[in-house]
C-alpha atoms as a PDB file:
ATOM      1  CA  GLY A   1       0.385  -0.298   0.048  1.00  0.00           C
ATOM      2  CA  ARG A   2       2.854   2.370  -0.243  1.00  0.00           C
ATOM      3  CA  ALA A   3       4.451   4.737  -3.281  1.00  0.00           C
ATOM      4  CA  LEU A   4       7.562   3.660  -5.142  1.00  0.00           C
ATOM      5  CA  ALA A   5       9.642   6.519  -6.067  1.00  0.00           C
ATOM      6  CA  GLN A   6      12.780   5.590  -8.209  1.00  0.00           C
ATOM      7  CA  LYS A   7      15.506   8.931  -9.173  1.00  0.00           C
ATOM      8  CA  HIS A   8      16.419   8.567 -13.305  1.00  0.00           C
ATOM      9  CA  ALA A   9      19.428  11.183 -13.727  1.00  0.00           C
ATOM     10  CA  ASN A  10      18.034  14.011 -12.156  1.00  0.00           C
ATOM     11  CA  ARG A  11      14.379  13.469 -11.954  1.00  0.00           C
ATOM     12  CA  TRP A  12      12.259  10.972  -9.866  1.00  0.00           C
ATOM     13  CA  GLY A  13       9.671   8.695 -11.317  1.00  0.00           C
ATOM     14  CA  VAL A  14       7.059   7.924  -8.176  1.00  0.00           C
ATOM     15  CA  LEU A  15       4.093   5.345  -8.425  1.00  0.00           C
ATOM     16  CA  ASN A  16       1.405   6.552  -5.892  1.00  0.00           C
ATOM     17  CA  ALA A  17      -0.117   2.901  -4.610  1.00  0.00           C
ATOM     18  CA  ALA A  18      -3.492   1.380  -5.588  1.00  0.00           C
ATOM     19  CA  GLU A  19      -6.594   4.099  -4.774  1.00  0.00           C
ATOM     20  CA  ARG A  20      -9.568   1.700  -2.708  1.00  0.00           C
ATOM     21  CA  TYR A  21     -12.157   0.784  -4.615  1.00  0.00           C
ATOM     22  CA  GLY A  22     -15.073  -1.766  -4.755  1.00  0.00           C
ATOM     23  CA  ASP A  23     -17.851  -3.365  -6.897  1.00  0.00           C
ATOM     24  CA  ALA A  24     -19.704  -0.239  -6.953  1.00  0.00           C
ATOM     25  CA  ASP A  25     -17.663   2.147  -7.966  1.00  0.00           C
ATOM     26  CA  LEU A  26     -16.759   0.186 -11.574  1.00  0.00           C
ATOM     27  CA  ASP A  27     -20.714  -0.201 -11.906  1.00  0.00           C
ATOM     28  CA  PHE A  28     -20.622   4.236 -11.374  1.00  0.00           C
ATOM     29  CA  ILE A  29     -17.408   4.273 -13.744  1.00  0.00           C
ATOM     30  CA  TYR A  30     -18.392   1.907 -15.891  1.00  0.00           C
ATOM     31  CA  GLY A  31     -21.726   2.809 -16.673  1.00  0.00           C
ATOM     32  CA  LEU A  32     -20.840   6.782 -17.579  1.00  0.00           C
ATOM     33  CA  ASP A  33     -21.928   7.560 -21.068  1.00  0.00           C
ATOM     34  CA  TYR A  34     -18.883   6.271 -23.085  1.00  0.00           C
ATOM     35  CA  GLY A  35     -19.470   7.143 -26.579  1.00  0.00           C
ATOM     36  CA  ARG A  36     -16.634   4.681 -28.317  1.00  0.00           C
ATOM     37  CA  ARG A  37     -15.732   7.628 -30.482  1.00  0.00           C
ATOM     38  CA  HIS A  38     -12.496   9.710 -30.755  1.00  0.00           C
ATOM     39  CA  ALA A  39     -14.247  13.715 -29.951  1.00  0.00           C
ATOM     40  CA  GLY A  40     -13.949  16.097 -33.224  1.00  0.00           C
ATOM     41  CA  HIS A  41     -12.180  13.115 -35.513  1.00  0.00           C
ATOM     42  CA  ALA A  42     -14.301  10.959 -37.746  1.00  0.00           C
ATOM     43  CA  GLU A  43     -11.563   7.698 -37.857  1.00  0.00           C
ATOM     44  CA  TYR A  44      -9.970   5.549 -35.161  1.00  0.00           C
ATOM     45  CA  THR A  45      -6.451   5.173 -33.940  1.00  0.00           C
ATOM     46  CA  PRO A  46      -5.671   1.516 -34.511  1.00  0.00           C
ATOM     47  CA  ALA A  47      -5.766   1.321 -30.171  1.00  0.00           C
ATOM     48  CA  LEU A  48      -9.701   2.348 -30.135  1.00  0.00           C
ATOM     49  CA  ARG A  49     -10.068   0.291 -33.146  1.00  0.00           C
ATOM     50  CA  MET A  50      -8.307  -2.990 -31.056  1.00  0.00           C
ATOM     51  CA  ASN A  51     -10.561  -2.571 -28.374  1.00  0.00           C
ATOM     52  CA  LEU A  52     -14.045  -0.791 -29.832  1.00  0.00           C
ATOM     53  CA  PHE A  53     -16.358  -3.470 -27.966  1.00  0.00           C
ATOM     54  CA  SER A  54     -14.080  -4.991 -25.780  1.00  0.00           C
ATOM     55  CA  VAL A  55     -16.116  -4.550 -21.987  1.00  0.00           C
ATOM     56  CA  THR A  56     -14.240  -3.811 -18.902  1.00  0.00           C
ATOM     57  CA  ALA A  57     -15.125  -6.579 -15.850  1.00  0.00           C
ATOM     58  CA  HIS A  58     -13.073  -6.575 -12.925  1.00  0.00           C
ATOM     59  CA  ARG A  59      -9.308  -4.293 -12.225  1.00  0.00           C
ATOM     60  CA  GLY A  60      -6.346  -5.809  -9.743  1.00  0.00           C
ATOM     61  CA  CYS A  61      -5.266  -8.946  -9.752  1.00  0.00           C
ATOM     62  CA  ALA A  62      -4.432 -11.118  -6.546  1.00  0.00           C
ATOM     63  CA  GLY A  63      -1.566 -12.950  -8.850  1.00  0.00           C
ATOM     64  CA  GLY A  64       0.908 -11.174  -6.756  1.00  0.00           C
ATOM     65  CA  CYS A  65       3.583 -11.497  -9.249  1.00  0.00           C
ATOM     66  CA  SER A  66       6.895  -9.586  -8.166  1.00  0.00           C
ATOM     67  CA  PHE A  67       7.551  -8.026 -11.773  1.00  0.00           C
ATOM     68  CA  CYS A  68       4.174  -7.272 -12.604  1.00  0.00           C
ATOM     69  CA  SER A  69       2.843  -3.237 -11.432  1.00  0.00           C
ATOM     70  CA  ILE A  70      -0.916  -3.598 -12.078  1.00  0.00           C
ATOM     71  CA  ALA A  71      -0.699  -4.537  -8.519  1.00  0.00           C
ATOM     72  CA  GLN A  72       0.355  -0.920  -7.236  1.00  0.00           C
ATOM     73  CA  SER A  73      -1.601   0.758 -10.038  1.00  0.00           C
ATOM     74  CA  GLU A  74      -4.853  -0.698  -9.890  1.00  0.00           C
ATOM     75  CA  GLY A  75      -4.590  -3.061  -6.731  1.00  0.00           C
ATOM     76  CA  ARG A  76      -3.435  -6.849  -5.423  1.00  0.00           C
ATOM     77  CA  ARG A  77      -7.206  -7.495  -4.619  1.00  0.00           C
ATOM     78  CA  VAL A  78     -10.017  -8.254  -7.067  1.00  0.00           C
ATOM     79  CA  ALA A  79     -12.950  -5.305  -7.536  1.00  0.00           C
ATOM     80  CA  SER A  80     -15.281  -6.894 -10.218  1.00  0.00           C
ATOM     81  CA  ARG A  81     -18.283  -5.174 -11.572  1.00  0.00           C
ATOM     82  CA  SER A  82     -22.201  -6.841 -11.363  1.00  0.00           C
ATOM     83  CA  PRO A  83     -23.273  -9.267 -13.955  1.00  0.00           C
ATOM     84  CA  GLU A  84     -26.270  -6.438 -14.394  1.00  0.00           C
ATOM     85  CA  SER A  85     -23.636  -3.760 -15.316  1.00  0.00           C
ATOM     86  CA  ILE A  86     -21.468  -5.908 -17.941  1.00  0.00           C
ATOM     87  CA  LEU A  87     -24.612  -7.196 -19.962  1.00  0.00           C
ATOM     88  CA  ARG A  88     -26.392  -3.747 -19.322  1.00  0.00           C
ATOM     89  CA  GLU A  89     -22.737  -2.440 -20.962  1.00  0.00           C
ATOM     90  CA  ILE A  90     -23.285  -4.813 -24.182  1.00  0.00           C
ATOM     91  CA  ARG A  91     -26.197  -3.894 -24.949  1.00  0.00           C
ATOM     92  CA  ALA A  92     -25.747  -0.581 -25.204  1.00  0.00           C
ATOM     93  CA  LEU A  93     -23.134  -1.485 -27.936  1.00  0.00           C
ATOM     94  CA  ALA A  94     -26.516  -2.013 -30.365  1.00  0.00           C
ATOM     95  CA  GLY A  95     -26.459   1.607 -30.896  1.00  0.00           C
ATOM     96  CA  HIS A  96     -22.667   2.442 -32.316  1.00  0.00           C
ATOM     97  CA  PRO A  97     -22.605   2.666 -36.486  1.00  0.00           C
ATOM     98  CA  GLU A  98     -19.664   0.030 -35.958  1.00  0.00           C
ATOM     99  CA  TRP A  99     -21.447  -2.771 -34.193  1.00  0.00           C
ATOM    100  CA  ARG A 100     -21.574  -5.744 -35.790  1.00  0.00           C
ATOM    101  CA  GLY A 101     -22.795  -8.624 -32.809  1.00  0.00           C
ATOM    102  CA  VAL A 102     -18.495  -9.472 -31.611  1.00  0.00           C
ATOM    103  CA  VAL A 103     -17.562  -8.740 -27.999  1.00  0.00           C
ATOM    104  CA  SER A 104     -14.346  -8.890 -28.884  1.00  0.00           C
ATOM    105  CA  ASP A 105     -13.289  -9.205 -25.183  1.00  0.00           C
ATOM    106  CA  ILE A 106     -15.244  -8.667 -21.363  1.00  0.00           C
ATOM    107  CA  GLY A 107     -12.062  -9.280 -19.116  1.00  0.00           C
ATOM    108  CA  GLY A 108      -9.466  -7.700 -16.992  1.00  0.00           C
ATOM    109  CA  PRO A 109      -5.868  -8.239 -15.650  1.00  0.00           C
ATOM    110  CA  SER A 110      -6.402 -12.190 -15.746  1.00  0.00           C
ATOM    111  CA  ALA A 111      -9.974 -13.253 -17.405  1.00  0.00           C
ATOM    112  CA  GLU A 112     -11.117 -15.243 -15.108  1.00  0.00           C
ATOM    113  CA  MET A 113     -10.533 -13.224 -11.751  1.00  0.00           C
ATOM    114  CA  TYR A 114     -13.811 -11.765 -12.445  1.00  0.00           C
ATOM    115  CA  GLY A 115     -16.066 -12.474  -8.839  1.00  0.00           C
ATOM    116  CA  SER A 116     -12.953 -13.291  -6.966  1.00  0.00           C
ATOM    117  CA  GLY A 117     -12.770 -10.357  -4.466  1.00  0.00           C
ATOM    118  CA  CYS A 118     -11.839 -11.789  -1.298  1.00  0.00           C
ATOM    119  CA  ALA A 119     -13.536 -10.188   2.057  1.00  0.00           C
ATOM    120  CA  ALA A 120     -10.363 -10.908   4.197  1.00  0.00           C
ATOM    121  CA  GLU A 121      -8.904  -6.984   5.184  1.00  0.00           C
ATOM    122  CA  SER A 122      -6.178  -8.227   7.403  1.00  0.00           C
ATOM    123  CA  CYS A 123      -4.169 -10.381   5.031  1.00  0.00           C
ATOM    124  CA  GLU A 124      -1.139  -9.642   4.201  1.00  0.00           C
ATOM    125  CA  ARG A 125      -0.440 -12.786   1.779  1.00  0.00           C
ATOM    126  CA  SER A 126       1.758 -11.171  -1.648  1.00  0.00           C
ATOM    127  CA  SER A 127      -0.053 -13.408  -3.560  1.00  0.00           C
ATOM    128  CA  CYS A 128      -3.201 -15.121  -3.367  1.00  0.00           C
ATOM    129  CA  LEU A 129      -1.721 -18.319  -5.014  1.00  0.00           C
ATOM    130  CA  LEU A 130       0.975 -19.322  -4.320  1.00  0.00           C
ATOM    131  CA  PRO A 131       3.075 -20.607  -3.014  1.00  0.00           C
ATOM    132  CA  GLN A 132      -0.353 -22.679  -2.330  1.00  0.00           C
ATOM    133  CA  ALA A 133      -4.003 -20.746  -3.499  1.00  0.00           C
ATOM    134  CA  CYS A 134      -5.653 -19.400  -0.720  1.00  0.00           C
ATOM    135  CA  GLY A 135      -9.131 -22.215   0.325  1.00  0.00           C
ATOM    136  CA  ARG A 136     -10.500 -18.376   0.563  1.00  0.00           C
ATOM    137  CA  PHE A 137      -9.800 -17.624  -3.527  1.00  0.00           C
ATOM    138  CA  ARG A 138     -12.504 -18.443  -5.643  1.00  0.00           C
ATOM    139  CA  ALA A 139     -12.122 -18.373  -9.194  1.00  0.00           C
ATOM    140  CA  GLY A 140     -13.569 -19.189 -12.523  1.00  0.00           C
ATOM    141  CA  GLU A 141     -17.252 -20.125 -11.634  1.00  0.00           C
ATOM    142  CA  PRO A 142     -18.645 -16.531 -11.238  1.00  0.00           C
ATOM    143  CA  TYR A 143     -16.760 -15.994 -14.976  1.00  0.00           C
ATOM    144  CA  ARG A 144     -18.330 -18.800 -16.335  1.00  0.00           C
ATOM    145  CA  ASP A 145     -21.836 -17.540 -15.476  1.00  0.00           C
ATOM    146  CA  LEU A 146     -21.051 -14.298 -16.745  1.00  0.00           C
ATOM    147  CA  LEU A 147     -19.424 -15.969 -20.397  1.00  0.00           C
ATOM    148  CA  ARG A 148     -23.216 -18.124 -20.393  1.00  0.00           C
ATOM    149  CA  GLN A 149     -24.820 -14.249 -19.749  1.00  0.00           C
ATOM    150  CA  ALA A 150     -23.542 -12.434 -22.395  1.00  0.00           C
ATOM    151  CA  ARG A 151     -23.602 -14.973 -25.880  1.00  0.00           C
ATOM    152  CA  ALA A 152     -27.439 -15.301 -24.822  1.00  0.00           C
ATOM    153  CA  LEU A 153     -28.311 -11.845 -24.977  1.00  0.00           C
ATOM    154  CA  PRO A 154     -30.002 -10.546 -28.180  1.00  0.00           C
ATOM    155  CA  GLY A 155     -27.404  -9.398 -31.187  1.00  0.00           C
ATOM    156  CA  VAL A 156     -24.920 -10.864 -29.274  1.00  0.00           C
ATOM    157  CA  ARG A 157     -23.160 -13.423 -32.758  1.00  0.00           C
ATOM    158  CA  LYS A 158     -19.802 -13.671 -30.681  1.00  0.00           C
ATOM    159  CA  VAL A 159     -18.348 -13.201 -28.131  1.00  0.00           C
ATOM    160  CA  MET A 160     -14.936 -13.258 -27.696  1.00  0.00           C
ATOM    161  CA  LEU A 161     -11.905 -13.439 -24.960  1.00  0.00           C
ATOM    162  CA  GLY A 162      -8.735 -11.179 -25.803  1.00  0.00           C
ATOM    163  CA  SER A 163      -7.570 -10.911 -22.422  1.00  0.00           C
ATOM    164  CA  GLY A 164      -5.207 -13.519 -20.427  1.00  0.00           C
ATOM    165  CA  VAL A 165      -6.121 -16.598 -18.317  1.00  0.00           C
ATOM    166  CA  ARG A 166      -3.559 -18.572 -15.909  1.00  0.00           C
ATOM    167  CA  HIS A 167      -3.416 -21.915 -17.442  1.00  0.00           C
ATOM    168  CA  ASP A 168      -2.668 -22.206 -12.703  1.00  0.00           C
ATOM    169  CA  LEU A 169      -5.893 -21.403 -12.843  1.00  0.00           C
ATOM    170  CA  MET A 170      -7.217 -23.029 -15.425  1.00  0.00           C
ATOM    171  CA  LEU A 171      -6.272 -26.629 -14.280  1.00  0.00           C
ATOM    172  CA  ARG A 172      -8.559 -25.720 -11.623  1.00  0.00           C
ATOM    173  CA  ASP A 173     -11.716 -25.800 -13.916  1.00  0.00           C
ATOM    174  CA  PRO A 174     -11.354 -27.264 -17.077  1.00  0.00           C
ATOM    175  CA  GLY A 175     -14.975 -26.626 -17.499  1.00  0.00           C
ATOM    176  CA  LEU A 176     -14.202 -22.920 -17.909  1.00  0.00           C
ATOM    177  CA  LEU A 177     -11.399 -23.680 -19.873  1.00  0.00           C
ATOM    178  CA  GLU A 178     -14.121 -26.387 -22.112  1.00  0.00           C
ATOM    179  CA  ASP A 179     -16.683 -23.554 -22.595  1.00  0.00           C
ATOM    180  CA  ILE A 180     -13.476 -21.221 -23.470  1.00  0.00           C
ATOM    181  CA  LEU A 181     -12.598 -23.148 -26.161  1.00  0.00           C
ATOM    182  CA  ARG A 182     -15.843 -24.286 -27.055  1.00  0.00           C
ATOM    183  CA  GLU A 183     -17.289 -20.546 -27.076  1.00  0.00           C
ATOM    184  CA  HIS A 184     -15.019 -17.254 -26.739  1.00  0.00           C
ATOM    185  CA  CYS A 185     -12.198 -19.282 -28.315  1.00  0.00           C
ATOM    186  CA  GLY A 186     -10.619 -18.198 -32.243  1.00  0.00           C
ATOM    187  CA  ARG A 187      -7.047 -20.005 -32.808  1.00  0.00           C
ATOM    188  CA  PHE A 188      -4.732 -19.146 -30.311  1.00  0.00           C
ATOM    189  CA  LEU A 189      -5.620 -18.700 -26.124  1.00  0.00           C
ATOM    190  CA  ARG A 190      -3.383 -16.754 -24.420  1.00  0.00           C
ATOM    191  CA  VAL A 191      -1.828 -17.845 -20.979  1.00  0.00           C
ATOM    192  CA  ALA A 192       1.410 -16.220 -20.397  1.00  0.00           C
ATOM    193  CA  PRO A 193       4.073 -19.322 -18.833  1.00  0.00           C
ATOM    194  CA  GLU A 194       6.946 -16.091 -18.323  1.00  0.00           C
ATOM    195  CA  HIS A 195      10.005 -18.724 -19.012  1.00  0.00           C
ATOM    196  CA  THR A 196      11.119 -22.045 -18.485  1.00  0.00           C
ATOM    197  CA  GLU A 197      13.725 -21.928 -15.598  1.00  0.00           C
ATOM    198  CA  ASP A 198      11.871 -22.480 -12.128  1.00  0.00           C
ATOM    199  CA  GLU A 199      14.632 -20.721 -10.615  1.00  0.00           C
ATOM    200  CA  VAL A 200      14.190 -17.451 -12.166  1.00  0.00           C
ATOM    201  CA  LEU A 201       9.683 -18.395 -11.592  1.00  0.00           C
ATOM    202  CA  ASP A 202      10.331 -18.242  -8.471  1.00  0.00           C
ATOM    203  CA  LEU A 203      11.636 -15.394  -8.335  1.00  0.00           C
ATOM    204  CA  MET A 204       9.028 -14.051 -10.422  1.00  0.00           C
ATOM    205  CA  GLY A 205       6.509 -15.460  -7.693  1.00  0.00           C
ATOM    206  CA  LYS A 206       4.964 -17.584 -10.986  1.00  0.00           C
ATOM    207  CA  PRO A 207       3.775 -20.862 -10.719  1.00  0.00           C
ATOM    208  CA  ARG A 208       6.975 -23.661 -12.304  1.00  0.00           C
ATOM    209  CA  PHE A 209       7.365 -24.752 -15.558  1.00  0.00           C
ATOM    210  CA  ALA A 210       5.784 -28.091 -14.921  1.00  0.00           C
ATOM    211  CA  VAL A 211       2.668 -26.847 -14.706  1.00  0.00           C
ATOM    212  CA  PHE A 212       2.109 -25.297 -17.703  1.00  0.00           C
ATOM    213  CA  GLU A 213       3.536 -28.309 -19.037  1.00  0.00           C
ATOM    214  CA  GLU A 214       1.013 -30.179 -17.538  1.00  0.00           C
ATOM    215  CA  PHE A 215      -2.034 -27.319 -18.881  1.00  0.00           C
ATOM    216  CA  VAL A 216       0.194 -28.200 -22.363  1.00  0.00           C
ATOM    217  CA  LYS A 217      -1.052 -31.479 -22.025  1.00  0.00           C
END
């Protein structure tokens, strides 16, 4: 929960700790009337074009990887929007002139962490997943239900998965993995083994490489 400061030449870079916000805050923020257009410009930049029909489901990550800034910038606890808020945003996409019925992503830093928030305020673990997964951490089922509801909406032809998933969590929920592969995946599923050497993975705060090999099998 503390800020980080690093000197570079005659300047300092400061990264303030993430603000504490909850599920209701995200519902409010993402419920505002965004136009998904550039003000005063007819063309879309490549970045906006890529994310034009992408929907943010949650913020924050419980992984606690030592090399990643997400926990600092978004928080270590996952805050998730309500299903009603997300489905309302998807229904509103029909009013966009570019809409063709394809949602390019419903996700966040790690897609299947949607709905996995924990109420243990006093916990001092840097990761909910390593060295062993915390018994209070639940991921998978809320996200699977959300995807099912989204792809059943009128006018939605396809819901794609653009966010990455953690292969160690997918091993714990093969049903979600099957749903993603059958319904929401193109030619590739984005996972990040990060490295092949266990001593490096230990320093990074990532699962050992045998876990990735098991996932591939």
